[in-house]
């Protein structure tokens, strides 16, 4: 089961700003749902699942 939280909680969890979380939502990097007219909930696990590894330079 997915864990859902606020934009602020997601920003704290990933060490980024709320603006970055909003950009990730609009670009489809992370999953979010609107609950009611204004409330947005973010799938806190979706950013981890969509993350890609960095290239390692030898």
Protein backbone atom coordinates (compact mmCIF):
# COMPACT_ATOMS: atom_id res chain seq x y z
CA UNK A 1 0.00 0.00 0.00
CA UNK A 2 1.31 3.44 -0.93
CA UNK A 3 1.99 6.07 1.67
CA UNK A 4 0.50 9.49 0.91
CA UNK A 5 1.54 12.80 2.43
CA UNK A 6 1.52 16.53 1.91
CA UNK A 7 3.75 18.46 -0.44
CA UNK A 8 5.62 19.78 2.59
CA UNK A 9 6.21 16.25 3.95
CA UNK A 10 7.49 15.11 0.54
CA UNK A 11 9.87 18.07 0.35
CA UNK A 12 11.29 17.27 3.79
CA UNK A 13 11.57 13.55 2.99
CA UNK A 14 13.53 14.16 -0.24
CA UNK A 15 15.52 17.18 0.96
CA UNK A 16 14.17 19.53 -1.72
CA UNK A 17 11.93 22.57 -1.77
CA UNK A 18 8.15 22.50 -2.10
CA UNK A 19 8.57 24.21 -5.46
CA UNK A 20 10.64 21.24 -6.67
CA UNK A 21 7.95 18.82 -5.51
CA UNK A 22 5.34 20.83 -7.43
CA UNK A 23 7.58 20.72 -10.54
CA UNK A 24 7.98 16.94 -10.18
CA UNK A 25 4.19 16.58 -9.90
CA UNK A 26 3.55 18.66 -13.04
CA UNK A 27 6.21 16.79 -15.02
CA UNK A 28 4.89 13.40 -13.90
CA UNK A 29 7.98 12.35 -11.94
CA UNK A 30 5.94 11.67 -8.83
CA UNK A 31 2.31 10.73 -8.37
CA UNK A 32 -0.09 13.11 -6.68
CA UNK A 33 -3.85 13.31 -6.24
CA UNK A 34 -6.15 16.21 -5.53
CA UNK A 35 -8.43 15.59 -2.54
CA UNK A 36 -11.16 18.18 -2.60
CA UNK A 37 -10.86 21.53 -4.32
CA UNK A 38 -7.43 22.51 -2.91
CA UNK A 39 -5.86 19.67 -0.96
CA UNK A 40 -3.08 17.74 -2.73
CA UNK A 41 -1.58 14.47 -1.51
CA UNK A 42 1.72 13.10 -2.82
CA UNK A 43 2.65 9.43 -3.11
CA UNK A 44 5.80 9.47 -0.98
CA UNK A 45 7.06 6.22 -2.49
CA UNK A 46 6.67 7.21 -6.14
CA UNK A 47 9.77 9.43 -6.28
CA UNK A 48 11.90 6.56 -4.99
CA UNK A 49 10.40 4.19 -7.55
CA UNK A 50 11.00 6.68 -10.39
CA UNK A 51 14.53 7.57 -9.35
CA UNK A 52 17.32 6.59 -11.67
CA UNK A 53 20.89 5.81 -10.65
CA UNK A 54 23.65 8.26 -11.32
CA UNK A 55 26.29 7.27 -13.85
CA UNK A 56 29.51 6.26 -12.16
CA UNK A 57 32.63 7.63 -13.79
CA UNK A 58 35.62 5.34 -13.40
